[in-house]
Amino acid sequence: MPNEQPKNQITMPNSVEAEQNVLCCILRSPEMQLEIIAQLKAADFYQPNHQIIFQAMKDISNQSHKTVGEGLSVNTVNLATVVDHLRRIGKLEQVGDIDYILRLNELLPSTANFDEYITIVKRASTMRQLIVICDEVKSKAYTASTSEEAITYAEEKIFALSQGGANGGLVLLADDTARTMHNINERFVNPGKFRGIQTGYTRFDRLTNGLHGGELIVLAARPGVGKSAMAMNIAENVAKQGKTVAIFSLEMSNEQIIERMMSGMSGVPLEYIKSGQLPHGEADLEKLRIAQETICGKMKMYGNDYASIKPSEIASQCRRLKQQHGLDLIVIDYIQLMNSGVDAKQGRQNEVAAISRALKLLAKELNVPVIALSQLKRDAEIRNIKGKENQGGGEPVLSDLRESGAIEQDADIVLFIHKEEVSGVMKYSLIVAKHRNGEQGKIELFWLGKIVRFVDAEYLTQHGINMGQVVETVAGDNQQPADDDLSFGESIADFSELEEGGFVDLSGDDVPETQE
């Protein structure tokens, strides 16, 4: 009962024989029927009667296997149960009656090659979907108002197909209950297992269990407090784990980002790198070469410093990167510098809302965490000053996010870097102001200004650094930090030696190998 095609139209890709063989394998192979059913869906079959039969098999399987554990490969899907189910739903005659089910059951002498049959069915299904998408893209090309709109539409459709994530409409949640229960059971058995991407900040990772796919993490602060530095520190720490990171910097060039990373990894102060006046000469150059080797050989970081990039362009480039090299984290610096590409007459607040929504959808589509930096309103800084004068709290709040409340709404996690003067000393903290899936909190940070790096108390303890030494004192009336007060033993140039045994060993022995 094949699909009817117009006489002047070529038949869509299909393999009736492979479809029949797959159905036969499900009927005849009790130990494999769960695996086969899990890999396919009814729409993968070309013939309507095969779609109905497979859906009946899937329904029978779902009704029979409602728990997770061993011993589930019982023959619940067989000739008798399929015929009975089709008869009860009134579709037995529609699929070819009992005779057709009997023929399927006796079709193959062996079910050993079931994986080959599945591959053929899935390939033909993908080709049919691709043909439909091409027709849709062709229609879009005629009606789209801009070329960018048409290209973005095409890329979204193709990427969704390649990832197997095309929108199939509403799904019965009961179908996913067994898999969800399996995940819960696995967490129960291994409660200490870390499940997210580690950022390198121990207390934050404990609070959030790391960064997770689909999350939009907004990192906000007033200008000059260090949000770019914090984001680059996290990106570096993630890349050192062998994961792939994409950085979109609308403010700094790729060269500036690399200089900051090399300073932090080598311990050579950034000001010396920029001036070229290395106090330890060849010794400093050797440390920088080691940092270079680590970046080039063991870290998969991709950067784009185009200042006028749009969310649609970011999405397009990230889709390609994930397909070609994988993708684990996206960092965007920062939201208020972005251009959404929508009509400016709608107002900047609506434009920022569109950008925020696009970034959240990107995180969900690619199933990767997106860290997006954001500015805070000047009100936050004024309140901080008043808080000092009145001995009250001046910490930022969610309403301080600049230009749009949509950022607060779309974000799964909102982080603030807070800087305040306490008894002549600059104190930093990372405030988890919103956490959709967990607790909020406040984490003490320490700013190593010479190498542009934030660290936490655990890092200092691990490296035997006296916390009292890692402070910024207020110099004079202008309240600027005096970097000379930062001390790591003999000199900050020895900082790279403290990396031994830390988050990454610059010798490369403990750095995860990257996978091509």
Protein backbone atom coordinates (compact mmCIF):
# COMPACT_ATOMS: atom_id res chain seq x y z
CA MET A 1 0.00 0.00 0.00
CA PRO A 2 2.59 2.63 -1.06
CA ASN A 3 2.01 6.36 -0.95
CA GLU A 4 0.32 7.53 -4.12
CA GLN A 5 2.43 9.92 -6.21
CA PRO A 6 1.31 12.15 -9.06
CA LYS A 7 2.22 10.66 -12.43
CA ASN A 8 4.66 13.47 -13.21
CA GLN A 9 6.38 13.26 -9.80
CA ILE A 10 9.33 11.05 -8.93
CA THR A 11 8.72 8.58 -6.11
CA MET A 12 10.15 9.70 -2.79
CA PRO A 13 13.14 7.70 -1.46
CA ASN A 14 12.03 4.52 0.30
CA SER A 15 12.75 0.83 0.77
CA VAL A 16 9.66 -1.27 1.29
CA GLU A 17 11.80 -4.37 1.76
CA ALA A 18 13.87 -2.78 4.55
CA GLU A 19 10.70 -1.58 6.30
CA GLN A 20 9.23 -5.07 6.17
CA ASN A 21 12.46 -6.56 7.49
CA VAL A 22 12.54 -4.14 10.42
CA LEU A 23 8.98 -5.06 11.40
CA CYS A 24 9.85 -8.74 11.08
CA CYS A 25 12.87 -8.28 13.38
CA ILE A 26 10.67 -6.65 16.02
CA LEU A 27 8.22 -9.55 15.87
CA ARG A 28 10.90 -12.23 15.85
CA SER A 29 13.64 -10.85 18.10
CA PRO A 30 12.50 -10.40 21.73
CA GLU A 31 15.96 -9.39 22.92
CA MET A 32 16.28 -6.63 20.31
CA GLN A 33 12.76 -5.26 19.99
CA LEU A 34 13.25 -2.52 22.62
CA GLU A 35 16.45 -1.30 20.95
CA ILE A 36 14.86 -1.27 17.48
CA ILE A 37 11.73 0.54 18.63
CA ALA A 38 13.83 3.17 20.43
CA GLN A 39 15.74 4.04 17.25
CA LEU A 40 12.76 4.68 14.99
CA LYS A 41 9.47 6.53 14.87
CA ALA A 42 6.37 5.84 12.81
CA ALA A 43 7.10 8.72 10.40
CA ASP A 44 10.36 7.02 9.38
CA PHE A 45 8.31 4.42 7.49
CA TYR A 46 7.18 5.27 3.97
CA GLN A 47 4.22 2.94 3.63
CA PRO A 48 1.13 4.00 5.62
CA ASN A 49 0.37 0.43 6.73
CA HIS A 50 3.92 0.07 8.04
CA GLN A 51 3.52 3.30 9.98
CA ILE A 52 0.35 1.94 11.64
CA ILE A 53 1.95 -1.42 12.46
CA PHE A 54 5.07 0.15 13.94
CA GLN A 55 3.02 2.59 16.06
CA ALA A 56 1.00 -0.38 17.38
CA MET A 57 4.25 -2.14 18.29
CA LYS A 58 5.52 0.98 20.06
CA ASP A 59 2.26 1.37 22.00
CA ILE A 60 2.38 -2.27 23.11
CA SER A 61 6.00 -1.87 24.21
CA ASN A 62 5.27 1.33 26.16
CA GLN A 63 2.36 -0.29 27.98
CA SER A 64 4.45 -3.34 28.90
CA HIS A 65 7.71 -1.66 29.98
CA LYS A 66 6.92 0.99 32.55
CA THR A 67 9.89 0.41 34.84
CA VAL A 68 13.63 0.56 34.40
CA GLY A 69 15.87 -2.35 35.23
CA GLU A 70 17.10 -5.72 34.08
CA GLY A 71 15.02 -8.44 32.51
CA LEU A 72 12.91 -6.24 30.25
CA SER A 73 13.57 -8.12 27.01
CA VAL A 74 10.44 -10.25 27.26
CA ASN A 75 8.52 -10.85 24.06
CA THR A 76 5.68 -8.40 24.64
CA VAL A 77 5.53 -7.43 20.96
CA ASN A 78 4.65 -10.54 18.97
CA LEU A 79 2.24 -11.75 16.34
CA ALA A 80 -0.63 -12.26 18.79
CA THR A 81 -0.29 -8.95 20.65
CA VAL A 82 0.08 -6.91 17.45
CA VAL A 83 -2.95 -8.51 15.79
CA ASP A 84 -4.99 -8.04 18.97
CA HIS A 85 -3.98 -4.39 19.33
CA LEU A 86 -4.75 -3.56 15.69
CA ARG A 87 -8.11 -5.30 15.94
CA ARG A 88 -9.04 -3.35 19.10
CA ILE A 89 -8.21 0.01 17.52
CA GLY A 90 -10.04 -0.93 14.33
CA LYS A 91 -7.04 -0.85 11.99
CA LEU A 92 -6.33 -4.52 11.33
CA GLU A 93 -8.07 -4.55 7.97
CA GLN A 94 -6.41 -1.23 7.04
CA VAL A 95 -2.89 -2.69 7.31
CA GLY A 96 -3.65 -5.81 5.24
CA ASP A 97 -5.43 -8.03 7.80
CA ILE A 98 -3.91 -11.02 9.62
CA ASP A 99 -2.43 -12.40 6.41
CA TYR A 100 -0.04 -9.44 6.05
CA ILE A 101 1.12 -9.67 9.70
CA LEU A 102 1.70 -13.42 9.23
CA ARG A 103 3.77 -12.73 6.12
CA LEU A 104 5.89 -10.18 8.01
CA ASN A 105 6.46 -12.68 10.83
CA GLU A 106 7.77 -15.33 8.42
CA LEU A 107 9.72 -13.00 6.15
CA LEU A 108 13.29 -13.56 7.36
CA PRO A 109 15.20 -16.72 8.28
CA SER A 110 17.36 -14.64 10.67
CA THR A 111 17.18 -11.24 12.37
CA ALA A 112 20.95 -10.86 12.74
CA ASN A 113 21.15 -7.94 10.29
CA PHE A 114 18.50 -5.80 11.96
CA ASP A 115 20.89 -2.82 12.28
CA GLU A 116 21.39 -2.72 8.51
CA TYR A 117 17.65 -2.63 7.91
CA ILE A 118 17.27 0.20 10.43
CA THR A 119 20.02 2.19 8.69
CA ILE A 120 18.29 1.87 5.32
CA VAL A 121 14.90 2.95 6.73
CA LYS A 122 16.39 5.94 8.56
CA ARG A 123 18.41 7.04 5.54
CA ALA A 124 15.37 7.01 3.27
CA SER A 125 13.36 8.89 5.93
CA THR A 126 16.07 11.56 6.21
CA MET A 127 16.18 11.98 2.43
CA ARG A 128 12.42 12.45 2.28
CA GLN A 129 12.56 15.06 5.04
CA LEU A 130 15.42 16.82 3.26
CA ILE A 131 13.39 17.02 0.05
CA VAL A 132 10.48 18.56 1.97
CA ILE A 133 12.81 21.06 3.66
CA CYS A 134 14.29 22.06 0.30
CA ASP A 135 10.83 22.80 -1.01
CA GLU A 136 10.08 24.89 2.09
CA VAL A 137 13.37 26.78 1.75
CA LYS A 138 12.61 27.44 -1.91
CA SER A 139 9.24 28.94 -0.95
CA LYS A 140 10.89 30.99 1.79
CA ALA A 141 13.40 32.39 -0.68
CA TYR A 142 10.50 33.84 -2.67
CA THR A 143 8.76 35.43 0.33
CA ALA A 144 11.51 36.42 2.82
CA SER A 145 12.03 40.14 3.29
CA THR A 146 15.83 39.76 3.58
CA SER A 147 18.41 37.25 2.42
CA GLU A 148 19.50 36.82 6.04
CA GLU A 149 15.99 35.70 6.99
CA ALA A 150 15.96 33.07 4.24
CA ILE A 151 19.46 31.79 5.05
CA THR A 152 18.71 31.58 8.77
CA TYR A 153 15.50 29.68 8.04
CA ALA A 154 17.38 27.20 5.84
CA GLU A 155 20.14 26.67 8.39
CA GLU A 156 17.69 26.11 11.23
CA LYS A 157 15.80 23.49 9.24
CA ILE A 158 18.92 21.66 8.05
CA PHE A 159 20.53 21.74 11.50
CA ALA A 160 17.38 20.43 13.18
CA LEU A 161 17.30 17.56 10.69
CA SER A 162 20.99 16.75 11.14
CA GLN A 163 20.57 16.68 14.94
CA GLY A 164 17.39 14.65 14.77
CA GLY A 165 15.62 17.47 16.59
CA ALA A 166 13.03 18.64 14.11
CA ASN A 167 9.86 19.81 15.80
CA GLY A 168 7.52 16.86 15.77
CA GLY A 169 4.73 18.60 17.63
CA LEU A 170 3.33 17.47 20.97
CA VAL A 171 4.84 14.32 22.43
CA LEU A 172 3.17 12.08 25.01
CA LEU A 173 5.30 12.63 28.10
CA ALA A 174 4.57 9.12 29.29
CA ASP A 175 6.77 7.89 26.43
CA ASP A 176 9.78 9.57 28.05
CA THR A 177 9.01 8.51 31.62
CA ALA A 178 11.13 5.36 31.54
CA ARG A 179 14.19 7.27 30.31
CA THR A 180 13.65 10.00 32.90
CA MET A 181 13.33 7.43 35.69
CA HIS A 182 16.53 5.80 34.52
CA ASN A 183 18.35 9.14 34.82
CA ILE A 184 16.94 9.73 38.31
CA ASN A 185 18.01 6.25 39.36
CA GLU A 186 21.50 6.86 37.99
CA ARG A 187 21.79 10.07 40.03
CA PHE A 188 20.64 8.18 43.12
CA VAL A 189 23.25 5.48 42.62
CA ASN A 190 26.02 8.04 41.95
CA PRO A 191 25.03 11.13 43.98
CA GLY A 192 28.55 12.57 43.99
CA LYS A 193 29.01 12.46 40.24
CA PHE A 194 29.47 15.91 38.68
CA ARG A 195 26.96 16.37 35.88
CA GLY A 196 27.57 19.83 34.46
CA ILE A 197 30.57 21.58 32.95
CA GLN A 198 33.00 22.73 35.65
CA THR A 199 33.82 26.43 35.58
CA GLY A 200 36.92 26.23 37.79
CA TYR A 201 35.17 28.06 40.64
CA THR A 202 34.56 25.36 43.25
CA ARG A 203 31.78 26.92 45.30
CA PHE A 204 29.86 28.05 42.23
CA ASP A 205 30.13 24.56 40.73
CA ARG A 206 28.84 23.02 43.97
CA LEU A 207 25.92 25.43 44.05
CA THR A 208 24.85 24.89 40.43
CA ASN A 209 26.41 21.48 39.68
CA GLY A 210 28.18 23.30 36.85
CA LEU A 211 26.89 24.67 33.57
CA HIS A 212 24.25 22.67 31.71
CA GLY A 213 23.09 22.46 28.13
CA GLY A 214 20.15 24.70 27.27
CA GLU A 215 20.89 27.24 30.00
CA LEU A 216 21.26 30.97 29.42
CA ILE A 217 23.63 32.34 32.06
CA VAL A 218 23.73 36.14 32.32
CA LEU A 219 26.86 37.60 33.95
CA ALA A 220 26.38 41.27 34.79
CA ALA A 221 28.37 44.07 36.40
CA ARG A 222 29.05 47.77 36.13
CA PRO A 223 31.78 48.81 33.63
CA GLY A 224 35.31 48.14 34.84
CA VAL A 225 34.37 45.64 37.56
CA GLY A 226 35.62 42.62 35.61
CA LYS A 227 32.75 40.81 33.89
CA SER A 228 34.81 40.23 30.71
CA ALA A 229 37.71 38.90 32.76
CA MET A 230 35.43 36.53 34.66
CA ALA A 231 33.82 35.24 31.48
CA MET A 232 37.21 34.65 29.83
CA ASN A 233 38.48 32.90 32.98
CA ILE A 234 35.51 30.51 32.81
CA ALA A 235 35.99 29.96 29.07
CA GLU A 236 39.66 29.17 29.62
CA ASN A 237 38.91 26.75 32.47
CA VAL A 238 36.30 24.93 30.37
CA ALA A 239 38.64 24.70 27.36
CA LYS A 240 41.37 23.22 29.56
CA GLN A 241 39.04 20.27 30.15
CA GLY A 242 39.23 19.45 26.45
CA LYS A 243 35.85 20.99 25.68
CA THR A 244 35.03 23.24 22.73
CA VAL A 245 34.30 26.91 23.46
CA ALA A 246 33.05 29.65 21.12
CA ILE A 247 33.73 33.27 22.15
CA PHE A 248 32.00 36.22 20.51
CA SER A 249 33.64 39.43 21.72
CA LEU A 250 32.07 42.65 20.52
CA GLU A 251 34.40 44.73 22.68
CA MET A 252 37.83 43.06 22.71
CA SER A 253 39.82 41.73 19.76
CA ASN A 254 40.89 38.09 19.54
CA GLU A 255 44.46 39.23 20.16
CA GLN A 256 43.47 40.95 23.41
CA ILE A 257 41.67 37.82 24.58
CA ILE A 258 44.74 35.70 23.84
CA GLU A 259 47.03 38.14 25.66
CA ARG A 260 44.82 37.94 28.74
CA MET A 261 44.81 34.15 28.65
CA MET A 262 48.56 33.96 28.21
CA SER A 263 49.06 36.35 31.13
CA GLY A 264 46.86 34.30 33.43
CA MET A 265 48.36 30.97 32.37
CA SER A 266 51.99 32.09 32.50
CA GLY A 267 51.90 34.45 35.46
CA VAL A 268 53.52 37.20 33.40
CA PRO A 269 51.69 40.47 34.17
CA LEU A 270 49.55 41.75 31.32
CA GLU A 271 51.11 45.22 31.42
CA TYR A 272 54.54 43.70 30.68
CA ILE A 273 53.14 41.64 27.81
CA LYS A 274 51.61 44.76 26.26
CA SER A 275 54.72 46.90 26.71
CA GLY A 276 57.20 44.20 25.76
CA GLN A 277 59.32 45.08 28.78
CA LEU A 278 59.54 41.62 30.34
CA PRO A 279 61.34 41.95 33.68
CA HIS A 280 62.70 38.40 33.58
CA GLY A 281 63.53 38.39 29.87
CA GLU A 282 63.92 34.92 28.39
CA ALA A 283 62.42 33.30 31.50
CA ASP A 284 59.17 35.19 30.94
CA LEU A 285 59.24 34.36 27.23
CA GLU A 286 59.60 30.68 28.06
CA LYS A 287 56.54 30.84 30.32
CA LEU A 288 54.60 32.52 27.53
CA ARG A 289 55.72 29.84 25.07
CA ILE A 290 54.43 27.14 27.41
CA ALA A 291 51.10 28.97 27.61
CA GLN A 292 51.07 29.21 23.81
CA GLU A 293 51.66 25.47 23.46
CA THR A 294 48.79 24.77 25.85
CA ILE A 295 46.41 27.02 23.91
CA CYS A 296 47.46 25.67 20.52
CA GLY A 297 47.77 22.01 21.41
CA LYS A 298 45.22 21.27 24.08
CA MET A 299 42.47 23.91 23.99
CA LYS A 300 39.67 24.11 21.43
CA MET A 301 38.66 27.76 21.57
CA TYR A 302 37.13 29.65 18.66
CA GLY A 303 36.82 33.44 18.62
CA ASN A 304 34.90 36.02 16.62
CA ASP A 305 35.63 39.69 17.35
CA TYR A 306 33.30 41.21 14.75
CA ALA A 307 31.77 44.21 16.54
CA SER A 308 28.41 44.28 14.70
CA ILE A 309 27.48 40.61 14.84
CA LYS A 310 23.79 39.69 15.12
CA PRO A 311 22.21 36.82 17.07
CA SER A 312 21.25 35.10 13.82
CA GLU A 313 24.90 35.16 12.70
CA ILE A 314 26.04 33.77 16.05
CA ALA A 315 23.48 30.98 15.76
CA SER A 316 24.56 30.18 12.21
CA GLN A 317 28.25 29.97 13.10
CA CYS A 318 27.59 27.92 16.24
CA ARG A 319 25.47 25.41 14.33
CA ARG A 320 28.30 24.85 11.87
CA LEU A 321 30.89 24.61 14.66
CA LYS A 322 28.84 22.02 16.54
CA GLN A 323 28.42 19.93 13.41
CA GLN A 324 32.10 20.09 12.45
CA HIS A 325 33.98 20.11 15.76
CA GLY A 326 31.44 19.85 18.57
CA LEU A 327 30.46 22.67 20.93
CA ASP A 328 30.24 22.77 24.73
CA LEU A 329 30.05 26.46 25.69
CA ILE A 330 29.21 29.81 24.06
CA VAL A 331 30.39 33.12 25.56
CA ILE A 332 29.03 36.46 24.30
CA ASP A 333 30.54 39.78 25.42
CA TYR A 334 28.14 41.56 25.64
CA ILE A 335 24.36 41.89 25.08
CA GLN A 336 24.08 45.70 25.01
CA LEU A 337 26.58 45.95 22.14
CA MET A 338 24.62 43.58 19.93
CA ASN A 339 22.33 44.50 17.07
CA SER A 340 19.30 42.29 16.65
CA GLY A 341 18.70 43.22 13.03
CA VAL A 342 15.07 44.13 13.75
CA ASP A 343 13.50 47.50 13.02
CA ALA A 344 15.12 50.12 15.27
CA LYS A 345 11.78 51.95 15.45
CA GLN A 346 10.56 49.30 17.88
CA GLY A 347 12.83 50.78 20.53
CA ARG A 348 16.03 49.60 22.14
CA GLN A 349 14.23 47.81 24.97
CA ASN A 350 12.31 45.63 22.51
CA GLU A 351 15.50 45.05 20.55
CA VAL A 352 17.37 43.85 23.65
CA ALA A 353 14.39 41.63 24.51
CA ALA A 354 14.64 40.07 21.04
CA ILE A 355 18.37 39.49 21.53
CA SER A 356 17.84 37.89 24.93
CA ARG A 357 15.14 35.59 23.59
CA ALA A 358 17.31 34.60 20.62
CA LEU A 359 20.19 33.64 22.92
CA LYS A 360 17.92 31.50 25.09
CA LEU A 361 16.55 29.74 22.02
CA LEU A 362 20.11 29.20 20.80
CA ALA A 363 21.10 27.54 24.08
CA LYS A 364 18.07 25.27 23.88
CA GLU A 365 18.46 24.45 20.20
CA LEU A 366 22.15 23.50 20.46
CA ASN A 367 21.79 22.09 23.99
CA VAL A 368 24.83 24.01 25.22
CA PRO A 369 25.18 26.64 27.97
CA VAL A 370 25.37 30.24 26.76
CA ILE A 371 27.10 32.83 28.97
CA ALA A 372 25.96 36.30 27.93
CA LEU A 373 27.47 39.37 29.57
CA SER A 374 25.30 42.34 30.43
CA GLN A 375 25.71 45.82 31.81
CA LEU A 376 23.92 47.10 34.90
CA LYS A 377 22.08 50.39 35.20
CA ARG A 378 23.88 53.31 36.79
CA ASP A 379 21.33 53.04 39.62
CA ALA A 380 23.22 50.00 40.89
CA GLU A 381 26.42 52.01 41.26
CA ILE A 382 24.63 54.94 42.94
CA ARG A 383 22.92 52.57 45.38
CA ASN A 384 26.26 50.96 46.14
CA ILE A 385 27.77 54.36 47.00
CA LYS A 386 24.78 55.28 49.16
CA GLY A 387 24.99 51.89 50.82
CA LYS A 388 28.57 52.62 51.89
CA GLU A 389 27.62 56.04 53.23
CA ASN A 390 24.70 54.67 55.23
CA GLN A 391 26.48 51.45 56.21
CA GLY A 392 23.80 49.56 54.33
CA GLY A 393 23.78 47.04 51.51
CA GLY A 394 24.44 48.24 48.02
CA GLU A 395 24.41 44.92 46.17
CA PRO A 396 22.85 44.81 42.68
CA VAL A 397 19.40 43.30 42.17
CA LEU A 398 17.69 41.76 39.15
CA SER A 399 15.91 45.00 38.25
CA ASP A 400 19.35 46.59 37.71
CA LEU A 401 19.87 44.68 34.45
CA ARG A 402 20.16 47.34 31.81
CA GLU A 403 17.60 48.10 29.06
CA SER A 404 15.25 45.15 29.38
CA GLY A 405 13.48 43.04 31.98
CA ALA A 406 13.41 40.29 29.35
CA ILE A 407 17.04 39.44 30.21
CA GLU A 408 15.95 38.64 33.76
CA GLN A 409 13.02 36.60 32.46
CA ASP A 410 14.91 34.57 29.85
CA ALA A 411 17.99 33.79 31.95
CA ASP A 412 18.21 30.51 33.83
CA ILE A 413 21.02 31.89 35.99
CA VAL A 414 21.80 35.55 36.69
CA LEU A 415 25.21 36.35 38.19
CA PHE A 416 26.45 39.68 39.49
CA ILE A 417 30.06 40.60 40.16
CA HIS A 418 29.92 42.97 43.12
CA LYS A 419 32.81 45.21 44.14
CA GLU A 420 32.78 47.14 47.38
CA GLU A 421 35.23 48.86 49.68
CA VAL A 422 35.44 47.47 53.21
CA SER A 423 37.83 49.18 55.65
CA GLY A 424 40.03 50.47 52.85
CA VAL A 425 40.15 47.13 51.06
CA MET A 426 38.35 46.24 47.80
CA LYS A 427 36.20 43.12 48.19
CA TYR A 428 34.73 41.14 45.32
CA SER A 429 31.89 38.64 45.32
CA LEU A 430 29.96 36.59 42.79
CA ILE A 431 26.24 36.84 43.57
CA VAL A 432 23.92 34.13 42.20
CA ALA A 433 20.81 36.34 42.09
CA LYS A 434 18.65 33.94 40.08
CA HIS A 435 18.94 30.18 39.73
CA ARG A 436 15.98 28.60 38.01
CA ASN A 437 16.92 25.06 39.03
CA GLY A 438 18.59 25.55 42.38
CA GLU A 439 19.70 27.76 45.22
CA GLN A 440 20.93 31.33 45.19
CA GLY A 441 24.09 32.36 46.99
CA LYS A 442 27.09 34.63 47.36
CA ILE A 443 30.67 33.52 46.68
CA GLU A 444 33.80 35.41 47.70
CA LEU A 445 36.22 36.21 44.87
CA PHE A 446 39.78 37.51 44.79
CA TRP A 447 41.05 39.70 41.96
CA LEU A 448 44.57 39.13 40.68
CA GLY A 449 44.80 42.36 38.73
CA LYS A 450 48.27 41.90 37.29
CA ILE A 451 47.26 38.74 35.44
CA VAL A 452 43.56 39.67 34.92
CA ARG A 453 42.16 36.70 36.80
CA PHE A 454 39.47 36.03 39.39
CA VAL A 455 40.05 33.13 41.78
CA ASP A 456 38.07 31.79 44.73
CA ALA A 457 39.12 30.90 48.26
CA GLU A 458 39.52 27.21 47.39
CA TYR A 459 42.00 28.11 44.67
CA LEU A 460 44.10 30.17 47.08
CA THR A 461 44.02 27.41 49.69
CA GLN A 462 44.97 24.79 47.13
CA HIS A 463 48.01 26.81 46.10
CA GLY A 464 49.02 27.82 49.62
CA ILE A 465 48.44 31.53 48.99
CA ASN A 466 47.74 33.76 51.98
CA MET A 467 44.30 35.27 51.47
CA GLY A 468 45.37 38.39 53.32
CA GLN A 469 47.93 39.08 50.62
CA VAL A 470 45.43 38.94 47.75
CA VAL A 471 43.65 42.24 48.31
CA GLU A 472 43.26 45.60 46.65
CA THR A 473 43.94 48.55 48.93
CA VAL A 474 42.53 51.98 48.21
CA ALA A 475 45.26 54.39 47.09
CA GLY A 476 44.57 58.00 47.94
CA ASP A 477 41.38 59.88 47.25
CA ASN A 478 40.81 58.42 43.79
CA GLN A 479 40.18 54.94 45.25
CA GLN A 480 42.15 53.14 42.54
CA PRO A 481 43.62 49.72 43.36
CA ALA A 482 47.33 49.58 44.03
CA ASP A 483 48.47 46.47 42.15
CA ASP A 484 51.83 46.54 43.93
CA ASP A 485 50.04 45.31 47.04
CA LEU A 486 49.36 41.97 45.35
CA SER A 487 51.94 39.49 46.52
CA PHE A 488 52.65 35.84 45.73
CA GLY A 489 55.79 35.03 47.63
CA GLU A 490 58.78 36.56 45.86
CA SER A 491 56.98 38.12 42.89
CA ILE A 492 53.87 37.75 40.78
CA ALA A 493 56.09 36.51 37.98
CA ASP A 494 56.40 33.27 39.93
CA PHE A 495 52.63 32.73 39.70
CA SER A 496 52.96 30.12 36.94
CA GLU A 497 54.82 27.89 39.38
CA LEU A 498 51.72 27.92 41.59
CA GLU A 499 49.73 26.42 38.70
CA GLU A 500 51.35 23.05 39.42
CA GLY A 501 48.57 20.79 40.69
CA GLY A 502 45.92 23.42 40.05
CA PHE A 503 43.04 23.41 37.58
CA VAL A 504 45.49 22.64 34.78
CA ASP A 505 49.13 21.57 34.77
CA LEU A 506 50.99 23.67 32.23
CA SER A 507 53.36 20.78 31.63
CA GLY A 508 50.41 19.22 29.78
CA ASP A 509 50.50 15.89 31.65
CA ASP A 510 47.14 16.43 33.35
CA VAL A 511 45.38 18.29 30.55
CA PRO A 512 42.69 16.23 28.81
CA GLU A 513 43.63 15.44 25.22
CA THR A 514 41.44 17.12 22.64
CA GLN A 515 39.51 14.99 20.20
CA GLU A 516 39.70 15.90 16.57
